[in-house]
C-alpha atoms as a PDB file:
ATOM      1  CA  UNK A   1       1.568 -32.006 -31.206  1.00  0.00           C
ATOM      2  CA  UNK A   2       3.589 -31.750 -34.342  1.00  0.00           C
ATOM      3  CA  UNK A   3       2.464 -28.116 -34.728  1.00  0.00           C
ATOM      4  CA  UNK A   4       3.616 -27.499 -31.134  1.00  0.00           C
ATOM      5  CA  UNK A   5       7.046 -29.000 -31.832  1.00  0.00           C
ATOM      6  CA  UNK A   6       7.439 -27.063 -35.029  1.00  0.00           C
ATOM      7  CA  UNK A   7       6.549 -23.817 -33.264  1.00  0.00           C
ATOM      8  CA  UNK A   8       9.116 -24.524 -30.471  1.00  0.00           C
ATOM      9  CA  UNK A   9      11.745 -25.170 -33.072  1.00  0.00           C
ATOM     10  CA  UNK A  10      10.903 -22.018 -34.991  1.00  0.00           C
ATOM     11  CA  UNK A  11      11.093 -20.006 -31.746  1.00  0.00           C
ATOM     12  CA  UNK A  12      14.420 -21.493 -30.904  1.00  0.00           C
ATOM     13  CA  UNK A  13      15.814 -20.527 -34.335  1.00  0.00           C
ATOM     14  CA  UNK A  14      14.581 -16.958 -33.910  1.00  0.00           C
ATOM     15  CA  UNK A  15      16.199 -16.664 -30.491  1.00  0.00           C
ATOM     16  CA  UNK A  16      19.508 -18.067 -31.833  1.00  0.00           C
ATOM     17  CA  UNK A  17      19.549 -15.551 -34.738  1.00  0.00           C
ATOM     18  CA  UNK A  18      18.747 -12.739 -32.288  1.00  0.00           C
ATOM     19  CA  UNK A  19      21.550 -13.745 -29.977  1.00  0.00           C
ATOM     20  CA  UNK A  20      24.004 -13.713 -32.903  1.00  0.00           C
ATOM     21  CA  UNK A  21      22.704 -10.325 -34.035  1.00  0.00           C
ATOM     22  CA  UNK A  22      21.151 -11.669 -37.230  1.00  0.00           C
ATOM     23  CA  UNK A  23      22.527 -13.472 -40.218  1.00  0.00           C
ATOM     24  CA  UNK A  24      24.719 -10.617 -41.547  1.00  0.00           C
ATOM     25  CA  UNK A  25      28.268 -10.027 -40.502  1.00  0.00           C
ATOM     26  CA  UNK A  26      27.532  -6.380 -39.574  1.00  0.00           C
ATOM     27  CA  UNK A  27      24.727  -7.380 -37.245  1.00  0.00           C
ATOM     28  CA  UNK A  28      27.193  -9.642 -35.272  1.00  0.00           C
ATOM     29  CA  UNK A  29      29.366  -6.611 -34.322  1.00  0.00           C
ATOM     30  CA  UNK A  30      28.700  -4.369 -31.334  1.00  0.00           C
ATOM     31  CA  UNK A  31      29.044  -0.671 -32.012  1.00  0.00           C
ATOM     32  CA  UNK A  32      32.128   0.778 -30.503  1.00  0.00           C
ATOM     33  CA  UNK A  33      33.239   4.381 -29.862  1.00  0.00           C
ATOM     34  CA  UNK A  34      36.985   4.940 -29.703  1.00  0.00           C
ATOM     35  CA  UNK A  35      38.328   8.335 -28.376  1.00  0.00           C
ATOM     36  CA  UNK A  36      41.772   9.487 -29.653  1.00  0.00           C
ATOM     37  CA  UNK A  37      43.586  12.251 -27.863  1.00  0.00           C
ATOM     38  CA  UNK A  38      46.672  14.292 -28.833  1.00  0.00           C
ATOM     39  CA  UNK A  39      48.298  17.745 -28.341  1.00  0.00           C
ATOM     40  CA  UNK A  40      48.075  19.252 -31.864  1.00  0.00           C
ATOM     41  CA  UNK A  41      45.157  21.571 -32.639  1.00  0.00           C
ATOM     42  CA  UNK A  42      42.362  21.190 -35.209  1.00  0.00           C
ATOM     43  CA  UNK A  43      44.271  22.988 -37.890  1.00  0.00           C
ATOM     44  CA  UNK A  44      47.208  20.568 -37.811  1.00  0.00           C
ATOM     45  CA  UNK A  45      48.329  17.769 -40.004  1.00  0.00           C
ATOM     46  CA  UNK A  46      47.820  15.448 -37.119  1.00  0.00           C
ATOM     47  CA  UNK A  47      44.226  16.476 -36.842  1.00  0.00           C
ATOM     48  CA  UNK A  48      43.697  15.875 -40.612  1.00  0.00           C
ATOM     49  CA  UNK A  49      45.176  12.426 -40.258  1.00  0.00           C
ATOM     50  CA  UNK A  50      42.877  11.614 -37.329  1.00  0.00           C
ATOM     51  CA  UNK A  51      39.952  12.717 -39.356  1.00  0.00           C
ATOM     52  CA  UNK A  52      41.006  10.260 -42.099  1.00  0.00           C
ATOM     53  CA  UNK A  53      41.379   7.538 -39.386  1.00  0.00           C
ATOM     54  CA  UNK A  54      37.834   8.163 -38.237  1.00  0.00           C
ATOM     55  CA  UNK A  55      36.518   8.021 -41.818  1.00  0.00           C
ATOM     56  CA  UNK A  56      38.263   4.823 -42.669  1.00  0.00           C
ATOM     57  CA  UNK A  57      37.525   3.152 -39.403  1.00  0.00           C
ATOM     58  CA  UNK A  58      33.826   3.657 -39.943  1.00  0.00           C
ATOM     59  CA  UNK A  59      34.110   2.489 -43.561  1.00  0.00           C
ATOM     60  CA  UNK A  60      36.127  -0.707 -42.890  1.00  0.00           C
ATOM     61  CA  UNK A  61      34.059  -1.727 -39.824  1.00  0.00           C
ATOM     62  CA  UNK A  62      30.771  -1.394 -41.770  1.00  0.00           C
ATOM     63  CA  UNK A  63      29.838   1.457 -39.467  1.00  0.00           C
ATOM     64  CA  UNK A  64      30.444  -0.283 -36.053  1.00  0.00           C
ATOM     65  CA  UNK A  65      33.508   1.755 -35.099  1.00  0.00           C
ATOM     66  CA  UNK A  66      33.148   5.506 -34.472  1.00  0.00           C
ATOM     67  CA  UNK A  67      36.333   7.452 -33.662  1.00  0.00           C
ATOM     68  CA  UNK A  68      35.977  10.644 -31.691  1.00  0.00           C
ATOM     69  CA  UNK A  69      38.811  13.121 -31.984  1.00  0.00           C
ATOM     70  CA  UNK A  70      40.114  15.245 -29.019  1.00  0.00           C
ATOM     71  CA  UNK A  71      42.913  17.439 -30.166  1.00  0.00           C
ATOM     72  CA  UNK A  72      44.545  20.443 -28.593  1.00  0.00           C
ATOM     73  CA  UNK A  73      45.245  18.641 -25.332  1.00  0.00           C
ATOM     74  CA  UNK A  74      41.558  18.595 -24.423  1.00  0.00           C
ATOM     75  CA  UNK A  75      42.097  15.284 -22.360  1.00  0.00           C
ATOM     76  CA  UNK A  76      45.333  16.369 -20.714  1.00  0.00           C
ATOM     77  CA  UNK A  77      49.005  16.670 -21.714  1.00  0.00           C
ATOM     78  CA  UNK A  78      50.547  13.840 -23.697  1.00  0.00           C
ATOM     79  CA  UNK A  79      52.069  12.143 -20.652  1.00  0.00           C
ATOM     80  CA  UNK A  80      48.763  11.982 -18.946  1.00  0.00           C
ATOM     81  CA  UNK A  81      46.961  10.702 -22.081  1.00  0.00           C
ATOM     82  CA  UNK A  82      49.609   8.014 -22.623  1.00  0.00           C
ATOM     83  CA  UNK A  83      49.020   6.787 -19.065  1.00  0.00           C
ATOM     84  CA  UNK A  84      45.297   6.803 -19.595  1.00  0.00           C
ATOM     85  CA  UNK A  85      45.696   4.596 -22.666  1.00  0.00           C
ATOM     86  CA  UNK A  86      47.813   2.063 -20.834  1.00  0.00           C
ATOM     87  CA  UNK A  87      45.053   1.799 -18.184  1.00  0.00           C
ATOM     88  CA  UNK A  88      42.208   1.536 -20.770  1.00  0.00           C
ATOM     89  CA  UNK A  89      40.714   4.891 -19.709  1.00  0.00           C
ATOM     90  CA  UNK A  90      41.414   6.435 -23.027  1.00  0.00           C
ATOM     91  CA  UNK A  91      41.310   4.404 -26.194  1.00  0.00           C
ATOM     92  CA  UNK A  92      43.959   5.866 -28.525  1.00  0.00           C
ATOM     93  CA  UNK A  93      46.795   8.494 -28.466  1.00  0.00           C
ATOM     94  CA  UNK A  94      49.649   9.847 -30.630  1.00  0.00           C
ATOM     95  CA  UNK A  95      53.025   9.447 -29.045  1.00  0.00           C
ATOM     96  CA  UNK A  96      56.634   9.728 -30.124  1.00  0.00           C
ATOM     97  CA  UNK A  97      58.897   6.681 -29.654  1.00  0.00           C
ATOM     98  CA  UNK A  98      61.391   8.803 -27.733  1.00  0.00           C
ATOM     99  CA  UNK A  99      58.659  10.149 -25.477  1.00  0.00           C
ATOM    100  CA  UNK A 100      57.851   6.602 -24.436  1.00  0.00           C
ATOM    101  CA  UNK A 101      61.325   6.705 -22.810  1.00  0.00           C
ATOM    102  CA  UNK A 102      59.581   8.141 -19.732  1.00  0.00           C
ATOM    103  CA  UNK A 103      58.324   4.641 -19.093  1.00  0.00           C
ATOM    104  CA  UNK A 104      60.945   2.568 -21.016  1.00  0.00           C
ATOM    105  CA  UNK A 105      64.098   4.636 -20.413  1.00  0.00           C
ATOM    106  CA  UNK A 106      66.113   2.924 -23.070  1.00  0.00           C
ATOM    107  CA  UNK A 107      63.769   4.381 -25.763  1.00  0.00           C
ATOM    108  CA  UNK A 108      65.021   7.894 -25.074  1.00  0.00           C
ATOM    109  CA  UNK A 109      67.699   7.329 -27.679  1.00  0.00           C
ATOM    110  CA  UNK A 110      65.025   7.532 -30.372  1.00  0.00           C
ATOM    111  CA  UNK A 111      64.841  11.235 -29.682  1.00  0.00           C
ATOM    112  CA  UNK A 112      68.589  11.860 -29.349  1.00  0.00           C
ATOM    113  CA  UNK A 113      70.189  14.405 -31.688  1.00  0.00           C
ATOM    114  CA  UNK A 114      71.546  12.882 -34.886  1.00  0.00           C
ATOM    115  CA  UNK A 115      70.422   9.416 -33.975  1.00  0.00           C
ATOM    116  CA  UNK A 116      68.871   8.993 -37.398  1.00  0.00           C
ATOM    117  CA  UNK A 117      69.637  10.207 -40.854  1.00  0.00           C
ATOM    118  CA  UNK A 118      65.912  10.551 -41.748  1.00  0.00           C
ATOM    119  CA  UNK A 119      62.546   8.999 -40.996  1.00  0.00           C
ATOM    120  CA  UNK A 120      63.177   5.995 -43.273  1.00  0.00           C
ATOM    121  CA  UNK A 121      66.221   5.238 -41.173  1.00  0.00           C
ATOM    122  CA  UNK A 122      64.114   5.399 -38.024  1.00  0.00           C
ATOM    123  CA  UNK A 123      61.513   3.068 -39.485  1.00  0.00           C
ATOM    124  CA  UNK A 124      64.167   0.529 -40.610  1.00  0.00           C
ATOM    125  CA  UNK A 125      65.463   0.513 -37.066  1.00  0.00           C
ATOM    126  CA  UNK A 126      61.980  -0.053 -35.628  1.00  0.00           C
ATOM    127  CA  UNK A 127      60.805  -2.651 -38.139  1.00  0.00           C
ATOM    128  CA  UNK A 128      63.846  -4.388 -39.677  1.00  0.00           C
ATOM    129  CA  UNK A 129      66.138  -4.997 -36.615  1.00  0.00           C
ATOM    130  CA  UNK A 130      65.636  -7.512 -33.922  1.00  0.00           C
ATOM    131  CA  UNK A 131      65.961  -4.855 -31.289  1.00  0.00           C
ATOM    132  CA  UNK A 132      63.385  -2.663 -33.055  1.00  0.00           C
ATOM    133  CA  UNK A 133      60.887  -5.614 -33.266  1.00  0.00           C
ATOM    134  CA  UNK A 134      61.337  -6.294 -29.560  1.00  0.00           C
ATOM    135  CA  UNK A 135      60.155  -2.830 -28.611  1.00  0.00           C
ATOM    136  CA  UNK A 136      56.450  -3.637 -29.370  1.00  0.00           C
ATOM    137  CA  UNK A 137      56.451  -6.544 -26.992  1.00  0.00           C
ATOM    138  CA  UNK A 138      57.717  -4.269 -24.181  1.00  0.00           C
ATOM    139  CA  UNK A 139      55.083  -1.645 -24.964  1.00  0.00           C
ATOM    140  CA  UNK A 140      52.297  -4.147 -25.144  1.00  0.00           C
ATOM    141  CA  UNK A 141      53.358  -5.492 -21.708  1.00  0.00           C
ATOM    142  CA  UNK A 142      52.736  -1.939 -20.439  1.00  0.00           C
ATOM    143  CA  UNK A 143      49.268  -1.836 -22.045  1.00  0.00           C
ATOM    144  CA  UNK A 144      50.040   0.017 -25.454  1.00  0.00           C
ATOM    145  CA  UNK A 145      49.600  -1.615 -28.882  1.00  0.00           C
ATOM    146  CA  UNK A 146      51.268   0.286 -31.677  1.00  0.00           C
ATOM    147  CA  UNK A 147      49.234   0.086 -34.838  1.00  0.00           C
ATOM    148  CA  UNK A 148      51.277   2.279 -37.042  1.00  0.00           C
ATOM    149  CA  UNK A 149      53.955   5.042 -36.939  1.00  0.00           C
ATOM    150  CA  UNK A 150      54.068   8.212 -38.962  1.00  0.00           C
ATOM    151  CA  UNK A 151      56.577  10.970 -39.698  1.00  0.00           C
ATOM    152  CA  UNK A 152      55.917  14.140 -37.780  1.00  0.00           C
ATOM    153  CA  UNK A 153      58.608  16.567 -38.946  1.00  0.00           C
ATOM    154  CA  UNK A 154      62.392  17.071 -38.390  1.00  0.00           C
ATOM    155  CA  UNK A 155      63.829  19.728 -36.171  1.00  0.00           C
ATOM    156  CA  UNK A 156      65.845  22.411 -38.019  1.00  0.00           C
ATOM    157  CA  UNK A 157      67.642  25.619 -36.716  1.00  0.00           C
ATOM    158  CA  UNK A 158      66.795  29.186 -37.555  1.00  0.00           C
ATOM    159  CA  UNK A 159      69.167  31.999 -36.674  1.00  0.00           C
ATOM    160  CA  UNK A 160      69.993  35.617 -37.161  1.00  0.00           C
ATOM    161  CA  UNK A 161      73.371  34.617 -38.673  1.00  0.00           C
ATOM    162  CA  UNK A 162      74.197  31.919 -41.295  1.00  0.00           C
ATOM    163  CA  UNK A 163      75.066  28.439 -39.904  1.00  0.00           C
ATOM    164  CA  UNK A 164      77.386  26.856 -42.522  1.00  0.00           C
ATOM    165  CA  UNK A 165      79.214  24.601 -40.122  1.00  0.00           C
ATOM    166  CA  UNK A 166      79.208  23.596 -36.462  1.00  0.00           C
ATOM    167  CA  UNK A 167      81.752  26.291 -35.758  1.00  0.00           C
ATOM    168  CA  UNK A 168      79.041  28.870 -36.486  1.00  0.00           C
ATOM    169  CA  UNK A 169      77.125  27.528 -33.521  1.00  0.00           C
ATOM    170  CA  UNK A 170      79.687  28.549 -30.930  1.00  0.00           C
ATOM    171  CA  UNK A 171      78.430  31.229 -28.536  1.00  0.00           C
ATOM    172  CA  UNK A 172      74.985  31.304 -30.108  1.00  0.00           C
ATOM    173  CA  UNK A 173      72.130  31.806 -27.614  1.00  0.00           C
ATOM    174  CA  UNK A 174      69.714  29.051 -28.802  1.00  0.00           C
ATOM    175  CA  UNK A 175      66.289  28.768 -27.480  1.00  0.00           C
ATOM    176  CA  UNK A 176      65.425  25.144 -26.838  1.00  0.00           C
ATOM    177  CA  UNK A 177      62.604  23.459 -24.872  1.00  0.00           C
ATOM    178  CA  UNK A 178      63.592  22.220 -21.505  1.00  0.00           C
ATOM    179  CA  UNK A 179      64.111  18.705 -22.633  1.00  0.00           C
ATOM    180  CA  UNK A 180      67.349  16.640 -22.247  1.00  0.00           C
ATOM    181  CA  UNK A 181      67.696  15.825 -25.960  1.00  0.00           C
ATOM    182  CA  UNK A 182      67.365  19.453 -27.148  1.00  0.00           C
ATOM    183  CA  UNK A 183      69.551  20.832 -24.404  1.00  0.00           C
ATOM    184  CA  UNK A 184      72.187  18.272 -25.484  1.00  0.00           C
ATOM    185  CA  UNK A 185      71.924  19.391 -29.080  1.00  0.00           C
ATOM    186  CA  UNK A 186      72.788  23.034 -28.035  1.00  0.00           C
ATOM    187  CA  UNK A 187      75.498  21.850 -25.602  1.00  0.00           C
ATOM    188  CA  UNK A 188      77.406  19.552 -27.868  1.00  0.00           C
ATOM    189  CA  UNK A 189      77.008  21.864 -30.874  1.00  0.00           C
ATOM    190  CA  UNK A 190      78.740  24.702 -28.963  1.00  0.00           C
ATOM    191  CA  UNK A 191      75.653  26.911 -28.509  1.00  0.00           C
ATOM    192  CA  UNK A 192      74.471  28.329 -25.183  1.00  0.00           C
ATOM    193  CA  UNK A 193      71.100  26.574 -24.445  1.00  0.00           C
ATOM    194  CA  UNK A 194      68.389  29.027 -23.469  1.00  0.00           C
ATOM    195  CA  UNK A 195      65.154  27.314 -22.392  1.00  0.00           C
ATOM    196  CA  UNK A 196      62.105  29.460 -22.336  1.00  0.00           C
ATOM    197  CA  UNK A 197      58.315  29.043 -22.723  1.00  0.00           C
ATOM    198  CA  UNK A 198      57.239  28.468 -26.335  1.00  0.00           C
ATOM    199  CA  UNK A 199      54.817  31.490 -26.290  1.00  0.00           C
ATOM    200  CA  UNK A 200      57.796  33.824 -25.599  1.00  0.00           C
ATOM    201  CA  UNK A 201      60.037  32.685 -28.504  1.00  0.00           C
ATOM    202  CA  UNK A 202      58.787  34.984 -31.266  1.00  0.00           C
ATOM    203  CA  UNK A 203      59.414  38.145 -29.219  1.00  0.00           C
ATOM    204  CA  UNK A 204      62.779  36.879 -27.980  1.00  0.00           C
ATOM    205  CA  UNK A 205      63.883  36.306 -31.600  1.00  0.00           C
ATOM    206  CA  UNK A 206      62.574  39.695 -32.700  1.00  0.00           C
ATOM    207  CA  UNK A 207      64.446  41.542 -29.892  1.00  0.00           C
ATOM    208  CA  UNK A 208      67.516  39.496 -30.235  1.00  0.00           C
ATOM    209  CA  UNK A 209      67.237  38.184 -26.706  1.00  0.00           C
ATOM    210  CA  UNK A 210      68.183  34.897 -28.293  1.00  0.00           C
ATOM    211  CA  UNK A 211      70.011  34.261 -31.545  1.00  0.00           C
ATOM    212  CA  UNK A 212      68.031  31.275 -32.799  1.00  0.00           C
ATOM    213  CA  UNK A 213      65.676  28.475 -32.071  1.00  0.00           C
ATOM    214  CA  UNK A 214      65.091  24.949 -33.382  1.00  0.00           C
ATOM    215  CA  UNK A 215      61.779  23.328 -34.450  1.00  0.00           C
ATOM    216  CA  UNK A 216      60.217  21.413 -37.328  1.00  0.00           C
ATOM    217  CA  UNK A 217      59.509  23.508 -40.429  1.00  0.00           C
ATOM    218  CA  UNK A 218      55.792  23.263 -39.910  1.00  0.00           C
ATOM    219  CA  UNK A 219      56.219  24.991 -36.512  1.00  0.00           C
ATOM    220  CA  UNK A 220      58.609  27.686 -37.909  1.00  0.00           C
ATOM    221  CA  UNK A 221      55.833  28.379 -40.446  1.00  0.00           C
ATOM    222  CA  UNK A 222      52.901  28.362 -38.058  1.00  0.00           C
ATOM    223  CA  UNK A 223      54.645  30.717 -35.515  1.00  0.00           C
ATOM    224  CA  UNK A 224      56.011  32.940 -38.407  1.00  0.00           C
ATOM    225  CA  UNK A 225      59.556  32.699 -37.119  1.00  0.00           C
ATOM    226  CA  UNK A 226      60.734  33.407 -40.713  1.00  0.00           C
ATOM    227  CA  UNK A 227      59.583  37.023 -40.092  1.00  0.00           C
ATOM    228  CA  UNK A 228      62.237  37.525 -37.441  1.00  0.00           C
ATOM    229  CA  UNK A 229      65.011  35.138 -38.545  1.00  0.00           C
ATOM    230  CA  UNK A 230      67.080  35.558 -41.686  1.00  0.00           C
ATOM    231  CA  UNK A 231      68.568  32.025 -41.858  1.00  0.00           C
ATOM    232  CA  UNK A 232      67.380  28.438 -41.593  1.00  0.00           C
ATOM    233  CA  UNK A 233      70.004  25.724 -41.335  1.00  0.00           C
ATOM    234  CA  UNK A 234      68.985  22.166 -42.184  1.00  0.00           C
ATOM    235  CA  UNK A 235      70.567  20.582 -39.195  1.00  0.00           C
ATOM    236  CA  UNK A 236      67.952  17.830 -39.137  1.00  0.00           C
ATOM    237  CA  UNK A 237      69.084  17.018 -35.658  1.00  0.00           C
ATOM    238  CA  UNK A 238      65.977  15.284 -34.273  1.00  0.00           C
ATOM    239  CA  UNK A 239      63.455  13.150 -36.222  1.00  0.00           C
ATOM    240  CA  UNK A 240      59.969  13.360 -34.828  1.00  0.00           C
ATOM    241  CA  UNK A 241      57.654  10.406 -35.281  1.00  0.00           C
ATOM    242  CA  UNK A 242      54.090   9.830 -34.120  1.00  0.00           C
ATOM    243  CA  UNK A 243      52.978   6.366 -33.061  1.00  0.00           C
ATOM    244  CA  UNK A 244      49.286   5.522 -33.357  1.00  0.00           C
ATOM    245  CA  UNK A 245      48.753   3.669 -30.145  1.00  0.00           C
ATOM    246  CA  UNK A 246      45.594   1.931 -28.985  1.00  0.00           C
ATOM    247  CA  UNK A 247      44.973   0.572 -25.480  1.00  0.00           C
ATOM    248  CA  UNK A 248      45.774  -3.155 -25.437  1.00  0.00           C
ATOM    249  CA  UNK A 249      42.779  -3.617 -23.140  1.00  0.00           C
ATOM    250  CA  UNK A 250      40.528  -1.908 -25.584  1.00  0.00           C
ATOM    251  CA  UNK A 251      41.995  -3.667 -28.654  1.00  0.00           C
ATOM    252  CA  UNK A 252      41.542  -7.087 -27.089  1.00  0.00           C
ATOM    253  CA  UNK A 253      37.834  -6.397 -26.554  1.00  0.00           C
ATOM    254  CA  UNK A 254      37.283  -5.670 -30.268  1.00  0.00           C
ATOM    255  CA  UNK A 255      36.017  -8.467 -32.527  1.00  0.00           C
ATOM    256  CA  UNK A 256      38.612  -9.874 -34.961  1.00  0.00           C
ATOM    257  CA  UNK A 257      36.909  -8.003 -37.834  1.00  0.00           C
ATOM    258  CA  UNK A 258      36.988  -4.754 -35.829  1.00  0.00           C
ATOM    259  CA  UNK A 259      40.599  -5.290 -34.947  1.00  0.00           C
ATOM    260  CA  UNK A 260      41.376  -5.695 -38.643  1.00  0.00           C
ATOM    261  CA  UNK A 261      39.315  -2.612 -39.524  1.00  0.00           C
ATOM    262  CA  UNK A 262      40.980  -0.232 -37.045  1.00  0.00           C
ATOM    263  CA  UNK A 263      44.478  -1.499 -37.932  1.00  0.00           C
ATOM    264  CA  UNK A 264      43.877  -1.073 -41.640  1.00  0.00           C
ATOM    265  CA  UNK A 265      42.424   2.453 -41.063  1.00  0.00           C
ATOM    266  CA  UNK A 266      45.306   3.420 -38.826  1.00  0.00           C
ATOM    267  CA  UNK A 267      47.896   2.334 -41.386  1.00  0.00           C
ATOM    268  CA  UNK A 268      46.271   4.417 -44.112  1.00  0.00           C
ATOM    269  CA  UNK A 269      46.016   7.446 -41.750  1.00  0.00           C
ATOM    270  CA  UNK A 270      49.710   7.099 -40.785  1.00  0.00           C
ATOM    271  CA  UNK A 271      50.772   6.938 -44.498  1.00  0.00           C
ATOM    272  CA  UNK A 272      48.680  10.061 -45.147  1.00  0.00           C
ATOM    273  CA  UNK A 273      50.169  11.625 -42.023  1.00  0.00           C
ATOM    274  CA  UNK A 274      53.751  11.031 -43.298  1.00  0.00           C
ATOM    275  CA  UNK A 275      53.046  12.012 -46.865  1.00  0.00           C
ATOM    276  CA  UNK A 276      51.446  15.322 -45.751  1.00  0.00           C
ATOM    277  CA  UNK A 277      54.396  16.303 -43.573  1.00  0.00           C
ATOM    278  CA  UNK A 278      56.971  15.419 -46.171  1.00  0.00           C
ATOM    279  CA  UNK A 279      55.140  17.345 -48.911  1.00  0.00           C
ATOM    280  CA  UNK A 280      54.672  20.337 -46.619  1.00  0.00           C
ATOM    281  CA  UNK A 281      58.373  20.542 -45.820  1.00  0.00           C
ATOM    282  CA  UNK A 282      59.274  20.815 -49.504  1.00  0.00           C
ATOM    283  CA  UNK A 283      56.770  23.660 -50.035  1.00  0.00           C
ATOM    284  CA  UNK A 284      57.752  25.382 -46.841  1.00  0.00           C
ATOM    285  CA  UNK A 285      61.406  25.775 -47.759  1.00  0.00           C
ATOM    286  CA  UNK A 286      60.250  27.504 -50.939  1.00  0.00           C
ATOM    287  CA  UNK A 287      58.023  29.669 -48.870  1.00  0.00           C
ATOM    288  CA  UNK A 288      60.748  30.695 -46.506  1.00  0.00           C
ATOM    289  CA  UNK A 289      63.058  31.608 -49.356  1.00  0.00           C
ATOM    290  CA  UNK A 290      60.337  33.678 -50.917  1.00  0.00           C
ATOM    291  CA  UNK A 291      60.092  35.534 -47.587  1.00  0.00           C
ATOM    292  CA  UNK A 292      63.807  36.406 -47.624  1.00  0.00           C
ATOM    293  CA  UNK A 293      65.266  33.449 -45.662  1.00  0.00           C
ATOM    294  CA  UNK A 294      68.537  31.888 -46.669  1.00  0.00           C
ATOM    295  CA  UNK A 295      68.661  28.018 -46.400  1.00  0.00           C
ATOM    296  CA  UNK A 296      72.015  26.457 -45.490  1.00  0.00           C
ATOM    297  CA  UNK A 297      73.032  22.769 -45.324  1.00  0.00           C
ATOM    298  CA  UNK A 298      75.823  22.205 -42.775  1.00  0.00           C
ATOM    299  CA  UNK A 299      77.585  18.910 -42.632  1.00  0.00           C
ATOM    300  CA  UNK A 300      75.521  16.755 -40.185  1.00  0.00           C
ATOM    301  CA  UNK A 301      78.260  14.135 -39.808  1.00  0.00           C
ATOM    302  CA  UNK A 302      80.372  16.668 -37.854  1.00  0.00           C
ATOM    303  CA  UNK A 303      77.435  17.536 -35.596  1.00  0.00           C
ATOM    304  CA  UNK A 304      76.819  13.795 -35.016  1.00  0.00           C
ATOM    305  CA  UNK A 305      80.461  13.217 -34.013  1.00  0.00           C
ATOM    306  CA  UNK A 306      80.215  16.175 -31.509  1.00  0.00           C
ATOM    307  CA  UNK A 307      77.243  14.499 -29.837  1.00  0.00           C
ATOM    308  CA  UNK A 308      79.036  11.138 -29.401  1.00  0.00           C
ATOM    309  CA  UNK A 309      79.564  11.660 -25.659  1.00  0.00           C
ATOM    310  CA  UNK A 310      75.799  11.510 -25.203  1.00  0.00           C
ATOM    311  CA  UNK A 311      75.754   8.036 -26.733  1.00  0.00           C
ATOM    312  CA  UNK A 312      78.687   6.890 -24.625  1.00  0.00           C
ATOM    313  CA  UNK A 313      76.753   7.832 -21.523  1.00  0.00           C
ATOM    314  CA  UNK A 314      73.691   6.067 -22.819  1.00  0.00           C
ATOM    315  CA  UNK A 315      75.614   2.819 -23.579  1.00  0.00           C
ATOM    316  CA  UNK A 316      77.184   2.901 -20.138  1.00  0.00           C
ATOM    317  CA  UNK A 317      73.656   2.972 -18.569  1.00  0.00           C
ATOM    318  CA  UNK A 318      71.555   0.792 -21.014  1.00  0.00           C
ATOM    319  CA  UNK A 319      73.962  -1.199 -23.026  1.00  0.00           C
ATOM    320  CA  UNK A 320      74.559  -0.988 -26.754  1.00  0.00           C
ATOM    321  CA  UNK A 321      71.663  -2.990 -28.278  1.00  0.00           C
ATOM    322  CA  UNK A 322      69.728   0.129 -29.416  1.00  0.00           C
ATOM    323  CA  UNK A 323      72.790   1.993 -30.737  1.00  0.00           C
ATOM    324  CA  UNK A 324      73.894  -1.140 -32.694  1.00  0.00           C
ATOM    325  CA  UNK A 325      70.424  -1.485 -34.105  1.00  0.00           C
ATOM    326  CA  UNK A 326      70.479   2.151 -35.295  1.00  0.00           C
ATOM    327  CA  UNK A 327      73.893   1.609 -36.964  1.00  0.00           C
ATOM    328  CA  UNK A 328      72.695  -1.635 -38.492  1.00  0.00           C
ATOM    329  CA  UNK A 329      69.712   0.138 -40.026  1.00  0.00           C
ATOM    330  CA  UNK A 330      71.829   3.029 -41.178  1.00  0.00           C
ATOM    331  CA  UNK A 331      73.887   0.708 -43.289  1.00  0.00           C
ATOM    332  CA  UNK A 332      70.909  -1.131 -44.967  1.00  0.00           C
END
């Protein structure tokens, strides 16, 4: 009888251990595959950062988290992917704070021309002001959890004549994407906004169908606009960020250890993302000059003042909380 009782107890212990996945911490975790989607292609800095994310997520989770990367818009455009993440149909996505204004309209100001002096200013607004801290709560209510934010370049202006001041923008035919913020930059700077498909820009610059265009330095380099434009003005009019967003539905299903692992991995990837873009920008200016471009630095304060009506319209519609937070962070 004692042998029978001992056998029953032993069997119960074995079943308990099996249910717990064994005595080790790794065995207690379920293997998880997370898919991340974004628009940039596999030669981009974004893709390199995503690769680091995948590497670190596997390392910090003891192999229980696998991140699959889908760049180049394989899973749809950014708007579709952001929607998918909110619904839990896609696990992770890159998204600019201003782009999230499609769902939370007051966030559009984060993509306004001359809203921020630099990326650090944007990050202070998002992390050190009460308004900035409240944004994550609103995004989580919509199904998005922001794990980290990264610098993704600053939009500058190239042209076939030097831009030393805002007066040099007057009458310039400036190619911009068909987006409110970019159109506003051209309008309030005195240029004639000329939207056109991105694929047509190089030829339009080469044939002088337009006088200039605006994009981050990395894009100017990738598209070789420096071959057909003699000048690059560091207008720095729009700061691009890239939030690393995970579906709140997906995040809540991870174990606490896995949540910690993916958060830590994401923060490291975002830091690499930022550092890579910043280092590249320094090197690219040197490259452009070596290829015959002249770099100018017009006074951005004058441009910012010219864009003031856009902010007046924003305040009339959404109130002044965001604008006050931006100014508060500017003075820190």
